[in-house]
């Protein structure tokens, strides 16, 4: 398929909760191919379907050379105390802010054959799993920022060349 254009902050699809995937058909298979192609460029840890304009619960990830996808993901478990980690987002280019994330995350869902799958990890993978699941729930990392950081981020967004 192809690498798809990333939707930017302000696009309503980014603030809309994604619909579950029912039937796995050619459309869903094509979506997975597009998600995998869209997450391959350097510096991308994950891409949610909503970020490429598709309102379905699916995302791809690319962390430490491991590239994969998950359909109908559910954030099944987090562990540890939330830590502030520098986070950015392809849909909010150029901004990085300390965002509270759990040090461990586990996501469950299905693959293209409808079989159960689980992805879990620490560090960047845990952060990506939480970040992409947030996207599918209509939430951006900016929504998790503390008041002062959120104010600064919104000012930076308004002043950006892409907004």
C-alpha atoms as a PDB file:
ATOM      1  CA  UNK A   1       0.000   0.000   0.000  1.00  0.00           C
ATOM      2  CA  UNK A   2       1.452   3.376   0.946  1.00  0.00           C
ATOM      3  CA  UNK A   3       2.640   5.735   3.637  1.00  0.00           C
ATOM      4  CA  UNK A   4      -0.334   7.950   4.408  1.00  0.00           C
ATOM      5  CA  UNK A   5      -0.371  11.639   5.298  1.00  0.00           C
ATOM      6  CA  UNK A   6      -0.575  12.303   9.037  1.00  0.00           C
ATOM      7  CA  UNK A   7      -3.548  14.359  10.208  1.00  0.00           C
ATOM      8  CA  UNK A   8      -2.592  17.400  12.281  1.00  0.00           C
ATOM      9  CA  UNK A   9      -3.913  18.954  15.475  1.00  0.00           C
ATOM     10  CA  UNK A  10      -7.262  20.593  14.766  1.00  0.00           C
ATOM     11  CA  UNK A  11      -8.538  17.771  12.549  1.00  0.00           C
ATOM     12  CA  UNK A  12     -11.773  16.491  14.168  1.00  0.00           C
ATOM     13  CA  UNK A  13     -10.838  12.823  13.595  1.00  0.00           C
ATOM     14  CA  UNK A  14      -8.107  13.204  16.239  1.00  0.00           C
ATOM     15  CA  UNK A  15     -10.662  14.090  18.906  1.00  0.00           C
ATOM     16  CA  UNK A  16     -13.131  11.337  17.970  1.00  0.00           C
ATOM     17  CA  UNK A  17     -13.208   7.947  19.686  1.00  0.00           C
ATOM     18  CA  UNK A  18     -12.518   5.261  17.079  1.00  0.00           C
ATOM     19  CA  UNK A  19     -15.007   2.525  16.216  1.00  0.00           C
ATOM     20  CA  UNK A  20     -14.179  -1.121  16.892  1.00  0.00           C
ATOM     21  CA  UNK A  21     -13.273  -3.275  13.916  1.00  0.00           C
ATOM     22  CA  UNK A  22     -15.967  -5.848  13.222  1.00  0.00           C
ATOM     23  CA  UNK A  23     -15.357  -7.799  10.053  1.00  0.00           C
ATOM     24  CA  UNK A  24     -11.768  -8.238   8.928  1.00  0.00           C
ATOM     25  CA  UNK A  25     -11.976  -7.647   5.198  1.00  0.00           C
ATOM     26  CA  UNK A  26      -9.780  -6.249   2.419  1.00  0.00           C
ATOM     27  CA  UNK A  27     -10.380  -2.707   3.692  1.00  0.00           C
ATOM     28  CA  UNK A  28      -8.988  -3.618   7.129  1.00  0.00           C
ATOM     29  CA  UNK A  29      -6.074  -5.525   5.572  1.00  0.00           C
ATOM     30  CA  UNK A  30      -5.290  -2.443   3.456  1.00  0.00           C
ATOM     31  CA  UNK A  31      -5.497  -0.251   6.562  1.00  0.00           C
ATOM     32  CA  UNK A  32      -2.935  -2.455   8.342  1.00  0.00           C
ATOM     33  CA  UNK A  33      -0.586  -2.256   5.336  1.00  0.00           C
ATOM     34  CA  UNK A  34      -0.936   1.541   5.331  1.00  0.00           C
ATOM     35  CA  UNK A  35      -0.319   1.721   9.094  1.00  0.00           C
ATOM     36  CA  UNK A  36       2.810  -0.411   8.774  1.00  0.00           C
ATOM     37  CA  UNK A  37       4.089   1.673   5.841  1.00  0.00           C
ATOM     38  CA  UNK A  38       3.303   4.884   7.745  1.00  0.00           C
ATOM     39  CA  UNK A  39       5.223   3.840  10.887  1.00  0.00           C
ATOM     40  CA  UNK A  40       8.421   2.759   9.092  1.00  0.00           C
ATOM     41  CA  UNK A  41      10.077   6.187   8.557  1.00  0.00           C
ATOM     42  CA  UNK A  42      12.784   6.967  11.137  1.00  0.00           C
ATOM     43  CA  UNK A  43      11.648   8.606  14.357  1.00  0.00           C
ATOM     44  CA  UNK A  44       8.158   7.085  14.376  1.00  0.00           C
ATOM     45  CA  UNK A  45       7.252   4.904  17.351  1.00  0.00           C
ATOM     46  CA  UNK A  46       3.580   4.490  16.466  1.00  0.00           C
ATOM     47  CA  UNK A  47       0.757   5.540  14.168  1.00  0.00           C
ATOM     48  CA  UNK A  48      -2.927   5.241  15.061  1.00  0.00           C
ATOM     49  CA  UNK A  49      -5.558   4.770  12.359  1.00  0.00           C
ATOM     50  CA  UNK A  50      -7.135   8.090  13.347  1.00  0.00           C
ATOM     51  CA  UNK A  51      -3.850   9.828  12.525  1.00  0.00           C
ATOM     52  CA  UNK A  52      -4.251   8.743   8.905  1.00  0.00           C
ATOM     53  CA  UNK A  53      -7.932   9.704   8.859  1.00  0.00           C
ATOM     54  CA  UNK A  54      -9.516   6.310   9.526  1.00  0.00           C
ATOM     55  CA  UNK A  55     -11.911   6.105  12.463  1.00  0.00           C
ATOM     56  CA  UNK A  56     -11.191   2.463  13.357  1.00  0.00           C
ATOM     57  CA  UNK A  57      -9.447   0.959  16.392  1.00  0.00           C
ATOM     58  CA  UNK A  58      -6.028  -0.037  15.044  1.00  0.00           C
ATOM     59  CA  UNK A  59      -2.456   1.128  15.392  1.00  0.00           C
ATOM     60  CA  UNK A  60       1.037   0.201  14.321  1.00  0.00           C
ATOM     61  CA  UNK A  61       4.245   0.482  16.324  1.00  0.00           C
ATOM     62  CA  UNK A  62       7.964   0.622  15.554  1.00  0.00           C
ATOM     63  CA  UNK A  63      10.172   0.384  18.634  1.00  0.00           C
ATOM     64  CA  UNK A  64      13.725  -0.961  18.793  1.00  0.00           C
ATOM     65  CA  UNK A  65      13.384  -2.554  15.359  1.00  0.00           C
ATOM     66  CA  UNK A  66      10.148  -4.350  16.249  1.00  0.00           C
ATOM     67  CA  UNK A  67       7.376  -3.343  13.860  1.00  0.00           C
ATOM     68  CA  UNK A  68       3.843  -4.570  14.351  1.00  0.00           C
ATOM     69  CA  UNK A  69       0.170  -3.729  14.585  1.00  0.00           C
ATOM     70  CA  UNK A  70      -2.829  -4.495  16.744  1.00  0.00           C
ATOM     71  CA  UNK A  71      -6.546  -4.341  15.997  1.00  0.00           C
ATOM     72  CA  UNK A  72      -9.143  -3.371  18.603  1.00  0.00           C
ATOM     73  CA  UNK A  73      -6.444  -2.636  21.183  1.00  0.00           C
ATOM     74  CA  UNK A  74      -7.362  -2.296  24.821  1.00  0.00           C
ATOM     75  CA  UNK A  75      -4.926  -0.940  27.384  1.00  0.00           C
ATOM     76  CA  UNK A  76      -5.272  -3.978  29.648  1.00  0.00           C
ATOM     77  CA  UNK A  77      -2.615  -3.185  32.247  1.00  0.00           C
ATOM     78  CA  UNK A  78      -0.265  -0.479  33.424  1.00  0.00           C
ATOM     79  CA  UNK A  79       2.235  -0.802  36.247  1.00  0.00           C
ATOM     80  CA  UNK A  80       4.317   1.491  38.362  1.00  0.00           C
ATOM     81  CA  UNK A  81       3.864   5.124  39.203  1.00  0.00           C
ATOM     82  CA  UNK A  82       3.380   7.520  36.285  1.00  0.00           C
ATOM     83  CA  UNK A  83       6.623   9.244  35.325  1.00  0.00           C
ATOM     84  CA  UNK A  84       7.105  12.408  33.317  1.00  0.00           C
ATOM     85  CA  UNK A  85       8.675  11.482  29.985  1.00  0.00           C
ATOM     86  CA  UNK A  86       9.397  13.764  27.051  1.00  0.00           C
ATOM     87  CA  UNK A  87       6.753  13.074  24.470  1.00  0.00           C
ATOM     88  CA  UNK A  88       5.922  14.325  21.032  1.00  0.00           C
ATOM     89  CA  UNK A  89       3.360  13.422  18.411  1.00  0.00           C
ATOM     90  CA  UNK A  90       3.325  13.249  14.623  1.00  0.00           C
ATOM     91  CA  UNK A  91      -0.016  15.090  14.730  1.00  0.00           C
ATOM     92  CA  UNK A  92       1.540  17.944  16.713  1.00  0.00           C
ATOM     93  CA  UNK A  93       4.895  18.297  14.910  1.00  0.00           C
ATOM     94  CA  UNK A  94       7.863  19.914  16.591  1.00  0.00           C
ATOM     95  CA  UNK A  95       6.470  19.965  20.134  1.00  0.00           C
ATOM     96  CA  UNK A  96       7.897  17.896  22.996  1.00  0.00           C
ATOM     97  CA  UNK A  97       6.554  18.107  26.539  1.00  0.00           C
ATOM     98  CA  UNK A  98       6.878  16.101  29.766  1.00  0.00           C
ATOM     99  CA  UNK A  99       3.882  13.774  29.815  1.00  0.00           C
ATOM    100  CA  UNK A 100       2.866  11.409  32.623  1.00  0.00           C
ATOM    101  CA  UNK A 101       3.149   7.785  31.463  1.00  0.00           C
ATOM    102  CA  UNK A 102       3.310   4.477  33.293  1.00  0.00           C
ATOM    103  CA  UNK A 103       6.658   2.675  33.007  1.00  0.00           C
ATOM    104  CA  UNK A 104       4.955  -0.588  31.942  1.00  0.00           C
ATOM    105  CA  UNK A 105       1.976  -1.130  29.653  1.00  0.00           C
ATOM    106  CA  UNK A 106       0.190  -4.135  28.182  1.00  0.00           C
ATOM    107  CA  UNK A 107      -2.265  -3.948  25.302  1.00  0.00           C
ATOM    108  CA  UNK A 108      -4.517  -6.783  24.136  1.00  0.00           C
ATOM    109  CA  UNK A 109      -6.365  -7.069  20.846  1.00  0.00           C
ATOM    110  CA  UNK A 110      -6.504  -9.205  17.722  1.00  0.00           C
ATOM    111  CA  UNK A 111      -4.524  -9.737  14.514  1.00  0.00           C
ATOM    112  CA  UNK A 112      -5.751  -9.957  10.913  1.00  0.00           C
ATOM    113  CA  UNK A 113      -6.751 -13.587  11.476  1.00  0.00           C
ATOM    114  CA  UNK A 114      -8.936 -12.584  14.431  1.00  0.00           C
ATOM    115  CA  UNK A 115      -6.588 -14.331  16.861  1.00  0.00           C
ATOM    116  CA  UNK A 116      -5.850 -12.761  20.254  1.00  0.00           C
ATOM    117  CA  UNK A 117      -2.578 -10.876  20.513  1.00  0.00           C
ATOM    118  CA  UNK A 118      -0.819  -9.081  23.311  1.00  0.00           C
ATOM    119  CA  UNK A 119       1.922  -6.463  23.208  1.00  0.00           C
ATOM    120  CA  UNK A 120       3.663  -5.340  26.368  1.00  0.00           C
ATOM    121  CA  UNK A 121       6.787  -3.534  27.342  1.00  0.00           C
ATOM    122  CA  UNK A 122       8.602  -0.859  29.236  1.00  0.00           C
ATOM    123  CA  UNK A 123      10.271   2.387  28.232  1.00  0.00           C
ATOM    124  CA  UNK A 124       9.479   3.713  24.760  1.00  0.00           C
ATOM    125  CA  UNK A 125       7.239   0.735  23.934  1.00  0.00           C
ATOM    126  CA  UNK A 126       5.119   1.309  27.053  1.00  0.00           C
ATOM    127  CA  UNK A 127       4.903   4.989  26.173  1.00  0.00           C
ATOM    128  CA  UNK A 128       3.898   4.211  22.562  1.00  0.00           C
ATOM    129  CA  UNK A 129       1.221   1.715  23.628  1.00  0.00           C
ATOM    130  CA  UNK A 130      -0.355   4.299  25.934  1.00  0.00           C
ATOM    131  CA  UNK A 131       0.015   7.133  23.393  1.00  0.00           C
ATOM    132  CA  UNK A 132      -1.555   5.206  20.489  1.00  0.00           C
ATOM    133  CA  UNK A 133      -4.391   3.846  22.636  1.00  0.00           C
ATOM    134  CA  UNK A 134      -5.099   7.435  23.708  1.00  0.00           C
ATOM    135  CA  UNK A 135      -5.369   8.409  20.023  1.00  0.00           C
ATOM    136  CA  UNK A 136      -8.010   5.734  19.477  1.00  0.00           C
ATOM    137  CA  UNK A 137      -9.945   7.139  22.432  1.00  0.00           C
ATOM    138  CA  UNK A 138      -9.923  10.622  20.864  1.00  0.00           C
ATOM    139  CA  UNK A 139      -7.195  11.940  23.132  1.00  0.00           C
ATOM    140  CA  UNK A 140      -3.908  13.686  22.332  1.00  0.00           C
ATOM    141  CA  UNK A 141      -0.893  13.725  24.620  1.00  0.00           C
ATOM    142  CA  UNK A 142      -1.508  17.470  25.043  1.00  0.00           C
ATOM    143  CA  UNK A 143      -4.654  16.530  26.992  1.00  0.00           C
ATOM    144  CA  UNK A 144      -2.477  14.827  29.626  1.00  0.00           C
ATOM    145  CA  UNK A 145      -0.167  17.792  30.221  1.00  0.00           C
ATOM    146  CA  UNK A 146      -0.182  19.778  33.421  1.00  0.00           C
ATOM    147  CA  UNK A 147      -1.827  23.203  33.256  1.00  0.00           C
ATOM    148  CA  UNK A 148       1.346  25.252  32.676  1.00  0.00           C
ATOM    149  CA  UNK A 149       2.804  22.903  30.085  1.00  0.00           C
ATOM    150  CA  UNK A 150      -0.535  22.681  28.282  1.00  0.00           C
ATOM    151  CA  UNK A 151      -0.790  26.480  28.142  1.00  0.00           C
ATOM    152  CA  UNK A 152       2.742  26.713  26.726  1.00  0.00           C
ATOM    153  CA  UNK A 153       2.057  23.924  24.220  1.00  0.00           C
ATOM    154  CA  UNK A 154      -1.147  25.547  22.969  1.00  0.00           C
ATOM    155  CA  UNK A 155       0.698  28.837  22.508  1.00  0.00           C
ATOM    156  CA  UNK A 156       3.398  27.005  20.555  1.00  0.00           C
ATOM    157  CA  UNK A 157       0.721  25.299  18.398  1.00  0.00           C
ATOM    158  CA  UNK A 158      -0.971  28.635  17.594  1.00  0.00           C
ATOM    159  CA  UNK A 159       2.392  30.123  16.592  1.00  0.00           C
ATOM    160  CA  UNK A 160       3.492  27.137  14.482  1.00  0.00           C
ATOM    161  CA  UNK A 161       3.736  27.333  10.702  1.00  0.00           C
ATOM    162  CA  UNK A 162       1.642  24.161  10.221  1.00  0.00           C
ATOM    163  CA  UNK A 163      -1.408  25.239  12.284  1.00  0.00           C
END
